[in-house]
Amino acid sequence: MDESRFDAITREMAAGAPRRAVLKGVAAGLAALVGARASAAAAGGDGGGRGRRPCCPSGYTALCTIAGRPTCTNTTSDPDNCGACGTVCPSGVCTAGVCSGGGGCPSGTTDCNGVCVDLSTDESNCGTCGTPCGSGETCVAGLCTGSVVSVCGDGICDFAAGEDCSTCPEDCGPCPA
């Protein structure tokens, strides 16, 4: 309700206007207030209410929770919210909502399109970025291998995977003399 309407209602009350006229004025004011909030909500605003989600200004694409507080951010360029809230770019570079750039990955991993991967074990990036293993294959030491993987030192002598006394004495024992 705007101030001029409120002032008019209070003047009517002070002047001894009939109660019906005062109640009509109050009802009209409430209806106008409810209508204004509904219009603001339909237009994407918060209607001035408390506890409602605020709108982000132009140039911001999302409302993300950062440090426990709703914060407007641009997910097309924010490396801590790249493409979506909470998607962190290891390289620290977010371009058009996609992590890019090199570096920034922990030791032993490589940045493949903004994701740090271990090229020695990643089935989607086996040996090099973008080299996937086939169905049923596993990435071992950067090479795609069949469905049975030999892991020497796991306590199992796996003949099907190529382990024997000469290739894995830890699991298969020493070869006979």
N, C-alpha and C. Protein backbone atom coordinates (compact mmCIF):
# COMPACT_ATOMS: atom_id res chain seq x y z
N MET A 1 0.86 -1.16 0.00
CA MET A 1 0.00 0.00 0.00
C MET A 1 0.91 1.22 0.00
N ASP A 2 0.60 2.20 -0.85
CA ASP A 2 1.44 3.39 -0.90
C ASP A 2 1.06 4.36 0.22
N GLU A 3 1.96 5.28 0.49
CA GLU A 3 1.77 6.21 1.62
C GLU A 3 0.55 7.09 1.46
N SER A 4 0.26 7.57 0.24
CA SER A 4 -0.88 8.47 0.06
C SER A 4 -2.20 7.75 0.37
N ARG A 5 -2.31 6.48 0.00
CA ARG A 5 -3.52 5.72 0.30
C ARG A 5 -3.66 5.52 1.81
N PHE A 6 -2.56 5.20 2.46
CA PHE A 6 -2.57 5.02 3.91
C PHE A 6 -2.98 6.32 4.60
N ASP A 7 -2.43 7.44 4.15
CA ASP A 7 -2.79 8.74 4.74
C ASP A 7 -4.28 9.03 4.55
N ALA A 8 -4.82 8.72 3.39
CA ALA A 8 -6.25 8.97 3.14
C ALA A 8 -7.10 8.14 4.08
N ILE A 9 -6.71 6.90 4.31
CA ILE A 9 -7.49 6.04 5.21
C ILE A 9 -7.45 6.58 6.64
N THR A 10 -6.26 6.97 7.07
CA THR A 10 -6.16 7.48 8.44
C THR A 10 -6.93 8.78 8.61
N ARG A 11 -6.97 9.65 7.58
CA ARG A 11 -7.76 10.89 7.66
C ARG A 11 -9.24 10.58 7.77
N GLU A 12 -9.69 9.57 7.00
CA GLU A 12 -11.11 9.18 7.07
C GLU A 12 -11.44 8.68 8.46
N MET A 13 -10.54 7.90 9.03
CA MET A 13 -10.79 7.38 10.37
C MET A 13 -10.85 8.51 11.39
N ALA A 14 -9.94 9.47 11.25
CA ALA A 14 -9.91 10.59 12.18
C ALA A 14 -11.12 11.50 12.01
N ALA A 15 -11.64 11.60 10.81
CA ALA A 15 -12.78 12.48 10.54
C ALA A 15 -14.09 11.83 10.96
N GLY A 16 -14.04 10.61 11.45
CA GLY A 16 -15.25 9.95 11.89
C GLY A 16 -16.05 9.37 10.75
N ALA A 17 -15.41 8.93 9.72
CA ALA A 17 -16.11 8.32 8.59
C ALA A 17 -16.77 7.03 9.07
N PRO A 18 -17.85 6.65 8.40
CA PRO A 18 -18.51 5.42 8.79
C PRO A 18 -17.54 4.23 8.67
N ARG A 19 -17.74 3.23 9.54
CA ARG A 19 -16.85 2.07 9.57
C ARG A 19 -16.82 1.33 8.25
N ARG A 20 -17.93 1.27 7.56
CA ARG A 20 -17.96 0.58 6.26
C ARG A 20 -17.03 1.25 5.27
N ALA A 21 -17.02 2.55 5.23
CA ALA A 21 -16.15 3.27 4.30
C ALA A 21 -14.69 3.02 4.64
N VAL A 22 -14.38 3.00 5.94
CA VAL A 22 -13.00 2.74 6.37
C VAL A 22 -12.60 1.31 5.99
N LEU A 23 -13.49 0.34 6.27
CA LEU A 23 -13.18 -1.05 5.93
C LEU A 23 -13.03 -1.24 4.42
N LYS A 24 -13.84 -0.55 3.62
CA LYS A 24 -13.68 -0.62 2.16
C LYS A 24 -12.31 -0.10 1.75
N GLY A 25 -11.89 0.99 2.38
CA GLY A 25 -10.58 1.56 2.08
C GLY A 25 -9.45 0.61 2.45
N VAL A 26 -9.56 -0.02 3.63
CA VAL A 26 -8.55 -0.98 4.06
C VAL A 26 -8.52 -2.18 3.10
N ALA A 27 -9.69 -2.69 2.73
CA ALA A 27 -9.77 -3.83 1.81
C ALA A 27 -9.17 -3.48 0.45
N ALA A 28 -9.45 -2.28 -0.03
CA ALA A 28 -8.89 -1.85 -1.32
C ALA A 28 -7.37 -1.76 -1.24
N GLY A 29 -6.87 -1.24 -0.13
CA GLY A 29 -5.42 -1.14 0.05
C GLY A 29 -4.76 -2.50 0.09
N LEU A 30 -5.35 -3.45 0.82
CA LEU A 30 -4.80 -4.81 0.88
C LEU A 30 -4.84 -5.48 -0.49
N ALA A 31 -5.93 -5.29 -1.21
CA ALA A 31 -6.04 -5.87 -2.55
C ALA A 31 -4.96 -5.31 -3.47
N ALA A 32 -4.69 -4.02 -3.36
CA ALA A 32 -3.65 -3.40 -4.19
C ALA A 32 -2.28 -3.95 -3.82
N LEU A 33 -2.04 -4.16 -2.52
CA LEU A 33 -0.75 -4.69 -2.07
C LEU A 33 -0.54 -6.12 -2.57
N VAL A 34 -1.56 -6.95 -2.43
CA VAL A 34 -1.48 -8.33 -2.90
C VAL A 34 -1.28 -8.36 -4.41
N GLY A 35 -1.99 -7.53 -5.14
CA GLY A 35 -1.85 -7.47 -6.60
C GLY A 35 -0.46 -7.04 -7.02
N ALA A 36 0.13 -6.08 -6.30
CA ALA A 36 1.47 -5.61 -6.64
C ALA A 36 2.51 -6.71 -6.43
N ARG A 37 2.37 -7.46 -5.33
CA ARG A 37 3.32 -8.55 -5.07
C ARG A 37 3.18 -9.67 -6.10
N ALA A 38 1.95 -9.99 -6.46
CA ALA A 38 1.71 -11.03 -7.46
C ALA A 38 2.30 -10.62 -8.81
N SER A 39 2.15 -9.35 -9.17
CA SER A 39 2.71 -8.86 -10.44
C SER A 39 4.22 -8.93 -10.42
N ALA A 40 4.83 -8.54 -9.29
CA ALA A 40 6.29 -8.58 -9.19
C ALA A 40 6.79 -10.01 -9.26
N ALA A 41 6.10 -10.94 -8.61
CA ALA A 41 6.52 -12.34 -8.64
C ALA A 41 6.40 -12.90 -10.05
N ALA A 42 5.34 -12.54 -10.76
CA ALA A 42 5.16 -13.03 -12.13
C ALA A 42 6.24 -12.48 -13.05
N ALA A 43 6.74 -11.30 -12.74
CA ALA A 43 7.78 -10.67 -13.56
C ALA A 43 9.17 -11.13 -13.16
N GLY A 44 9.26 -12.03 -12.17
CA GLY A 44 10.57 -12.55 -11.76
C GLY A 44 11.12 -11.83 -10.55
N GLY A 45 10.42 -10.90 -9.99
CA GLY A 45 10.90 -10.19 -8.81
C GLY A 45 10.51 -10.95 -7.56
N ASP A 46 10.96 -10.46 -6.43
CA ASP A 46 10.62 -11.15 -5.20
C ASP A 46 9.41 -10.53 -4.52
N GLY A 47 8.82 -9.48 -5.10
CA GLY A 47 7.63 -8.88 -4.54
C GLY A 47 7.88 -8.16 -3.25
N GLY A 48 9.13 -8.01 -2.88
CA GLY A 48 9.47 -7.30 -1.66
C GLY A 48 9.30 -8.13 -0.41
N GLY A 49 8.95 -9.39 -0.54
CA GLY A 49 8.73 -10.23 0.63
C GLY A 49 10.01 -10.76 1.21
N ARG A 50 9.95 -11.14 2.47
CA ARG A 50 11.12 -11.70 3.13
C ARG A 50 11.18 -13.19 2.88
N GLY A 51 12.40 -13.74 2.87
CA GLY A 51 12.57 -15.16 2.71
C GLY A 51 12.37 -15.65 1.30
N ARG A 52 12.20 -14.78 0.38
CA ARG A 52 12.03 -15.20 -1.01
C ARG A 52 13.35 -15.10 -1.72
N ARG A 53 13.47 -15.83 -2.79
CA ARG A 53 14.69 -15.87 -3.59
C ARG A 53 14.88 -14.54 -4.32
N PRO A 54 16.01 -13.87 -4.10
CA PRO A 54 16.23 -12.60 -4.78
C PRO A 54 16.57 -12.80 -6.26
N CYS A 55 16.31 -11.79 -7.04
CA CYS A 55 16.65 -11.83 -8.46
C CYS A 55 18.10 -11.39 -8.63
N CYS A 56 18.78 -11.96 -9.59
CA CYS A 56 20.14 -11.54 -9.88
C CYS A 56 20.10 -10.45 -10.93
N PRO A 57 20.98 -9.45 -10.80
CA PRO A 57 21.01 -8.37 -11.79
C PRO A 57 21.53 -8.86 -13.13
N SER A 58 21.37 -8.04 -14.13
CA SER A 58 21.82 -8.35 -15.48
C SER A 58 23.32 -8.69 -15.45
N GLY A 59 23.70 -9.69 -16.22
CA GLY A 59 25.11 -10.11 -16.28
C GLY A 59 25.39 -11.31 -15.40
N TYR A 60 24.47 -11.63 -14.51
CA TYR A 60 24.61 -12.81 -13.66
C TYR A 60 23.63 -13.86 -14.15
N THR A 61 24.05 -15.11 -14.11
CA THR A 61 23.22 -16.16 -14.70
C THR A 61 22.62 -17.11 -13.68
N ALA A 62 23.10 -17.08 -12.42
CA ALA A 62 22.59 -18.03 -11.44
C ALA A 62 22.74 -17.50 -10.03
N LEU A 63 21.92 -18.04 -9.16
CA LEU A 63 22.01 -17.76 -7.74
C LEU A 63 22.57 -19.02 -7.09
N CYS A 64 23.84 -18.97 -6.70
CA CYS A 64 24.52 -20.12 -6.12
C CYS A 64 24.72 -19.88 -4.63
N THR A 65 24.81 -20.93 -3.86
CA THR A 65 25.11 -20.80 -2.44
C THR A 65 26.62 -20.84 -2.29
N ILE A 66 27.17 -19.72 -1.85
CA ILE A 66 28.61 -19.59 -1.67
C ILE A 66 28.84 -19.20 -0.22
N ALA A 67 29.65 -19.98 0.48
CA ALA A 67 29.92 -19.76 1.90
C ALA A 67 28.62 -19.69 2.69
N GLY A 68 27.65 -20.53 2.31
CA GLY A 68 26.39 -20.62 3.02
C GLY A 68 25.39 -19.51 2.74
N ARG A 69 25.71 -18.63 1.79
CA ARG A 69 24.81 -17.52 1.48
C ARG A 69 24.47 -17.51 -0.01
N PRO A 70 23.21 -17.18 -0.35
CA PRO A 70 22.86 -17.08 -1.77
C PRO A 70 23.62 -15.92 -2.40
N THR A 71 24.31 -16.19 -3.49
CA THR A 71 25.13 -15.19 -4.15
C THR A 71 24.92 -15.28 -5.66
N CYS A 72 24.71 -14.14 -6.29
CA CYS A 72 24.58 -14.11 -7.75
C CYS A 72 25.94 -14.29 -8.38
N THR A 73 26.02 -15.12 -9.41
CA THR A 73 27.28 -15.36 -10.09
C THR A 73 27.01 -15.56 -11.58
N ASN A 74 28.08 -15.53 -12.35
CA ASN A 74 27.98 -15.75 -13.79
C ASN A 74 28.59 -17.10 -14.09
N THR A 75 27.74 -18.11 -14.31
CA THR A 75 28.23 -19.47 -14.53
C THR A 75 28.89 -19.66 -15.89
N THR A 76 28.88 -18.63 -16.71
CA THR A 76 29.59 -18.75 -17.99
C THR A 76 31.07 -18.40 -17.85
N SER A 77 31.46 -17.78 -16.71
CA SER A 77 32.86 -17.39 -16.55
C SER A 77 33.43 -17.62 -15.15
N ASP A 78 32.62 -18.01 -14.18
CA ASP A 78 33.08 -18.21 -12.81
C ASP A 78 33.72 -19.59 -12.67
N PRO A 79 35.05 -19.66 -12.43
CA PRO A 79 35.71 -20.96 -12.35
C PRO A 79 35.28 -21.80 -11.14
N ASP A 80 34.61 -21.20 -10.16
CA ASP A 80 34.12 -21.95 -9.01
C ASP A 80 32.69 -22.43 -9.21
N ASN A 81 32.03 -21.94 -10.24
CA ASN A 81 30.65 -22.31 -10.56
C ASN A 81 30.51 -22.33 -12.08
N CYS A 82 31.29 -23.15 -12.74
CA CYS A 82 31.39 -23.14 -14.20
C CYS A 82 30.32 -24.03 -14.84
N GLY A 83 29.35 -23.41 -15.51
CA GLY A 83 28.28 -24.14 -16.15
C GLY A 83 27.13 -24.45 -15.21
N ALA A 84 27.44 -24.61 -13.93
CA ALA A 84 26.44 -24.88 -12.90
C ALA A 84 27.04 -24.55 -11.54
N CYS A 85 26.19 -24.31 -10.58
CA CYS A 85 26.66 -24.01 -9.23
C CYS A 85 27.48 -25.18 -8.69
N GLY A 86 28.65 -24.87 -8.14
CA GLY A 86 29.49 -25.88 -7.51
C GLY A 86 30.46 -26.61 -8.42
N THR A 87 30.41 -26.37 -9.74
CA THR A 87 31.35 -27.02 -10.65
C THR A 87 32.63 -26.20 -10.67
N VAL A 88 33.69 -26.75 -10.07
CA VAL A 88 34.96 -26.05 -9.94
C VAL A 88 35.91 -26.48 -11.05
N CYS A 89 36.50 -25.52 -11.74
CA CYS A 89 37.48 -25.82 -12.79
C CYS A 89 38.85 -26.00 -12.16
N PRO A 90 39.47 -27.16 -12.32
CA PRO A 90 40.79 -27.38 -11.76
C PRO A 90 41.82 -26.40 -12.32
N SER A 91 41.63 -26.01 -13.57
CA SER A 91 42.58 -25.10 -14.21
C SER A 91 42.35 -23.66 -13.80
N GLY A 92 41.19 -23.38 -13.19
CA GLY A 92 40.87 -22.01 -12.80
C GLY A 92 40.36 -21.17 -13.95
N VAL A 93 40.05 -21.82 -15.09
CA VAL A 93 39.58 -21.09 -16.27
C VAL A 93 38.22 -21.64 -16.69
N CYS A 94 37.21 -20.75 -16.75
CA CYS A 94 35.88 -21.12 -17.20
C CYS A 94 35.52 -20.23 -18.38
N THR A 95 35.26 -20.83 -19.53
CA THR A 95 34.93 -20.08 -20.74
C THR A 95 33.62 -20.62 -21.29
N ALA A 96 32.64 -19.74 -21.43
CA ALA A 96 31.32 -20.11 -21.96
C ALA A 96 30.71 -21.28 -21.19
N GLY A 97 30.95 -21.32 -19.87
CA GLY A 97 30.36 -22.36 -19.04
C GLY A 97 31.07 -23.69 -19.11
N VAL A 98 32.29 -23.75 -19.68
CA VAL A 98 33.06 -24.97 -19.80
C VAL A 98 34.46 -24.74 -19.25
N CYS A 99 34.92 -25.66 -18.40
CA CYS A 99 36.28 -25.54 -17.86
C CYS A 99 37.28 -25.74 -18.99
N SER A 100 38.31 -24.94 -18.98
CA SER A 100 39.33 -25.05 -20.03
C SER A 100 40.67 -24.61 -19.47
N GLY A 101 41.68 -24.70 -20.30
CA GLY A 101 43.01 -24.27 -19.90
C GLY A 101 43.79 -25.41 -19.31
N GLY A 102 45.06 -25.21 -19.14
CA GLY A 102 45.93 -26.26 -18.62
C GLY A 102 46.35 -25.98 -17.21
N GLY A 103 47.01 -26.95 -16.64
CA GLY A 103 47.54 -26.77 -15.30
C GLY A 103 46.48 -26.84 -14.24
N GLY A 104 46.91 -26.75 -13.04
CA GLY A 104 46.00 -26.72 -11.93
C GLY A 104 45.59 -28.08 -11.42
N CYS A 105 46.02 -29.16 -12.06
CA CYS A 105 45.65 -30.50 -11.61
C CYS A 105 46.70 -31.01 -10.63
N PRO A 106 46.26 -31.85 -9.69
CA PRO A 106 47.22 -32.44 -8.75
C PRO A 106 48.23 -33.32 -9.47
N SER A 107 49.34 -33.55 -8.82
CA SER A 107 50.40 -34.39 -9.37
C SER A 107 49.84 -35.77 -9.70
N GLY A 108 50.21 -36.31 -10.86
CA GLY A 108 49.76 -37.62 -11.29
C GLY A 108 48.47 -37.58 -12.09
N THR A 109 47.92 -36.39 -12.27
CA THR A 109 46.70 -36.27 -13.07
C THR A 109 46.93 -35.24 -14.17
N THR A 110 46.06 -35.29 -15.17
CA THR A 110 46.15 -34.41 -16.34
C THR A 110 44.81 -33.75 -16.57
N ASP A 111 44.83 -32.50 -16.99
CA ASP A 111 43.60 -31.77 -17.31
C ASP A 111 43.12 -32.21 -18.69
N CYS A 112 42.00 -32.93 -18.72
CA CYS A 112 41.35 -33.31 -19.97
C CYS A 112 40.03 -32.58 -20.05
N ASN A 113 39.98 -31.53 -20.84
CA ASN A 113 38.77 -30.72 -21.00
C ASN A 113 38.23 -30.21 -19.67
N GLY A 114 39.12 -29.75 -18.81
CA GLY A 114 38.71 -29.15 -17.54
C GLY A 114 38.49 -30.13 -16.41
N VAL A 115 38.77 -31.41 -16.63
CA VAL A 115 38.62 -32.41 -15.58
C VAL A 115 39.97 -33.07 -15.35
N CYS A 116 40.40 -33.15 -14.09
CA CYS A 116 41.67 -33.80 -13.78
C CYS A 116 41.45 -35.32 -13.77
N VAL A 117 42.23 -36.01 -14.58
CA VAL A 117 42.10 -37.47 -14.68
C VAL A 117 43.47 -38.12 -14.58
N ASP A 118 43.47 -39.38 -14.18
CA ASP A 118 44.69 -40.19 -14.15
C ASP A 118 44.73 -40.97 -15.46
N LEU A 119 45.59 -40.57 -16.36
CA LEU A 119 45.66 -41.20 -17.69
C LEU A 119 46.07 -42.67 -17.62
N SER A 120 46.61 -43.10 -16.49
CA SER A 120 47.01 -44.50 -16.39
C SER A 120 45.86 -45.42 -16.02
N THR A 121 44.73 -44.85 -15.53
CA THR A 121 43.60 -45.70 -15.11
C THR A 121 42.24 -45.24 -15.62
N ASP A 122 42.15 -44.06 -16.20
CA ASP A 122 40.84 -43.52 -16.62
C ASP A 122 40.38 -44.16 -17.93
N GLU A 123 39.25 -44.89 -17.88
CA GLU A 123 38.78 -45.61 -19.07
C GLU A 123 38.28 -44.70 -20.18
N SER A 124 37.99 -43.44 -19.88
CA SER A 124 37.56 -42.50 -20.91
C SER A 124 38.74 -41.74 -21.51
N ASN A 125 39.86 -41.74 -20.81
CA ASN A 125 41.07 -41.04 -21.23
C ASN A 125 42.27 -41.93 -20.92
N CYS A 126 42.38 -43.03 -21.61
CA CYS A 126 43.41 -44.02 -21.32
C CYS A 126 44.68 -43.74 -22.10
N GLY A 127 45.72 -43.30 -21.39
CA GLY A 127 47.00 -42.98 -22.04
C GLY A 127 47.05 -41.55 -22.51
N THR A 128 46.01 -41.08 -23.18
CA THR A 128 45.91 -39.68 -23.64
C THR A 128 44.47 -39.21 -23.48
N CYS A 129 44.29 -37.91 -23.40
CA CYS A 129 42.94 -37.35 -23.28
C CYS A 129 42.10 -37.75 -24.49
N GLY A 130 40.88 -38.17 -24.24
CA GLY A 130 39.94 -38.50 -25.32
C GLY A 130 40.11 -39.88 -25.91
N THR A 131 40.96 -40.73 -25.30
CA THR A 131 41.13 -42.09 -25.80
C THR A 131 40.37 -43.04 -24.89
N PRO A 132 39.16 -43.45 -25.29
CA PRO A 132 38.37 -44.34 -24.43
C PRO A 132 38.72 -45.81 -24.66
N CYS A 133 38.54 -46.61 -23.62
CA CYS A 133 38.68 -48.06 -23.77
C CYS A 133 37.36 -48.60 -24.30
N GLY A 134 37.44 -49.74 -24.96
CA GLY A 134 36.24 -50.36 -25.50
C GLY A 134 35.41 -51.03 -24.42
N SER A 135 34.27 -51.51 -24.80
CA SER A 135 33.36 -52.18 -23.88
C SER A 135 34.06 -53.39 -23.24
N GLY A 136 34.02 -53.47 -21.93
CA GLY A 136 34.64 -54.58 -21.23
C GLY A 136 36.12 -54.42 -21.01
N GLU A 137 36.71 -53.35 -21.51
CA GLU A 137 38.15 -53.14 -21.33
C GLU A 137 38.39 -52.24 -20.11
N THR A 138 39.59 -52.36 -19.57
CA THR A 138 40.01 -51.57 -18.44
C THR A 138 41.31 -50.87 -18.79
N CYS A 139 41.49 -49.68 -18.26
CA CYS A 139 42.72 -48.93 -18.50
C CYS A 139 43.73 -49.28 -17.42
N VAL A 140 44.83 -49.89 -17.84
CA VAL A 140 45.90 -50.28 -16.92
C VAL A 140 47.20 -49.72 -17.46
N ALA A 141 47.86 -48.90 -16.65
CA ALA A 141 49.14 -48.29 -17.03
C ALA A 141 49.03 -47.54 -18.37
N GLY A 142 47.86 -46.93 -18.60
CA GLY A 142 47.67 -46.13 -19.81
C GLY A 142 47.37 -46.93 -21.05
N LEU A 143 47.08 -48.22 -20.90
CA LEU A 143 46.75 -49.08 -22.03
C LEU A 143 45.43 -49.79 -21.76
N CYS A 144 44.59 -49.86 -22.78
CA CYS A 144 43.33 -50.57 -22.65
C CYS A 144 43.61 -52.06 -22.74
N THR A 145 43.09 -52.81 -21.77
CA THR A 145 43.30 -54.25 -21.75
C THR A 145 41.95 -54.94 -21.72
N GLY A 146 41.95 -56.25 -21.94
CA GLY A 146 40.72 -57.05 -21.91
C GLY A 146 40.03 -56.96 -20.57
N SER A 147 38.94 -57.68 -20.45
CA SER A 147 38.12 -57.57 -19.24
C SER A 147 38.81 -58.13 -18.01
N VAL A 148 39.78 -59.04 -18.16
CA VAL A 148 40.51 -59.56 -17.00
C VAL A 148 41.81 -58.77 -16.87
N VAL A 149 42.01 -58.20 -15.71
CA VAL A 149 43.18 -57.36 -15.50
C VAL A 149 44.12 -58.03 -14.52
N SER A 150 45.36 -58.11 -14.90
CA SER A 150 46.38 -58.67 -14.03
C SER A 150 46.86 -57.58 -13.09
N VAL A 151 46.80 -57.89 -11.80
CA VAL A 151 47.33 -56.96 -10.80
C VAL A 151 48.32 -57.74 -9.98
N CYS A 152 49.57 -57.66 -10.38
CA CYS A 152 50.61 -58.39 -9.69
C CYS A 152 50.78 -57.80 -8.29
N GLY A 153 50.80 -58.67 -7.30
CA GLY A 153 50.96 -58.22 -5.92
C GLY A 153 49.65 -58.16 -5.16
N ASP A 154 48.55 -58.61 -5.82
CA ASP A 154 47.25 -58.58 -5.13
C ASP A 154 46.98 -59.88 -4.37
N GLY A 155 47.94 -60.82 -4.39
CA GLY A 155 47.77 -62.07 -3.66
C GLY A 155 47.05 -63.15 -4.43
N ILE A 156 46.68 -62.88 -5.70
CA ILE A 156 45.96 -63.85 -6.51
C ILE A 156 46.78 -64.15 -7.76
N CYS A 157 47.12 -65.40 -7.98
CA CYS A 157 47.83 -65.79 -9.19
C CYS A 157 46.79 -66.00 -10.28
N ASP A 158 46.67 -65.02 -11.15
CA ASP A 158 45.61 -65.01 -12.16
C ASP A 158 46.18 -65.43 -13.52
N PHE A 159 46.10 -66.73 -13.80
CA PHE A 159 46.64 -67.26 -15.06
C PHE A 159 45.91 -66.69 -16.28
N ALA A 160 44.59 -66.45 -16.15
CA ALA A 160 43.81 -65.92 -17.27
C ALA A 160 44.27 -64.52 -17.66
N ALA A 161 44.85 -63.82 -16.71
CA ALA A 161 45.32 -62.47 -16.99
C ALA A 161 46.79 -62.46 -17.37
N GLY A 162 47.41 -63.62 -17.48
CA GLY A 162 48.80 -63.68 -17.91
C GLY A 162 49.79 -63.76 -16.77
N GLU A 163 49.34 -63.91 -15.55
CA GLU A 163 50.27 -64.04 -14.44
C GLU A 163 50.75 -65.49 -14.35
N ASP A 164 52.03 -65.63 -14.09
CA ASP A 164 52.60 -66.94 -13.79
C ASP A 164 53.85 -66.71 -12.96
N CYS A 165 54.60 -67.75 -12.72
CA CYS A 165 55.76 -67.61 -11.85
C CYS A 165 56.82 -66.67 -12.43
N SER A 166 56.86 -66.53 -13.74
CA SER A 166 57.88 -65.67 -14.34
C SER A 166 57.42 -64.20 -14.40
N THR A 167 56.11 -63.97 -14.52
CA THR A 167 55.63 -62.58 -14.64
C THR A 167 55.23 -62.00 -13.29
N CYS A 168 54.85 -62.86 -12.33
CA CYS A 168 54.40 -62.35 -11.04
C CYS A 168 54.71 -63.36 -9.93
N PRO A 169 55.97 -63.48 -9.56
CA PRO A 169 56.31 -64.43 -8.50
C PRO A 169 55.71 -64.04 -7.16
N GLU A 170 55.34 -62.77 -6.98
CA GLU A 170 54.73 -62.32 -5.72
C GLU A 170 53.42 -63.07 -5.49
N ASP A 171 52.65 -63.29 -6.57
CA ASP A 171 51.35 -63.95 -6.44
C ASP A 171 51.43 -65.45 -6.73
N CYS A 172 52.27 -65.84 -7.69
CA CYS A 172 52.30 -67.22 -8.17
C CYS A 172 53.43 -68.05 -7.58
N GLY A 173 54.30 -67.45 -6.86
CA GLY A 173 55.44 -68.17 -6.27
C GLY A 173 56.59 -68.29 -7.26
N PRO A 174 57.73 -68.79 -6.79
CA PRO A 174 58.91 -68.91 -7.68
C PRO A 174 58.72 -70.04 -8.70
N CYS A 175 59.38 -69.86 -9.82
CA CYS A 175 59.32 -70.87 -10.87
C CYS A 175 60.20 -72.06 -10.45
N PRO A 176 59.79 -73.26 -10.84
CA PRO A 176 60.63 -74.43 -10.52
C PRO A 176 61.95 -74.35 -11.27
N ALA A 177 62.96 -74.88 -10.67
CA ALA A 177 64.31 -74.82 -11.26
C ALA A 177 64.50 -75.80 -12.37
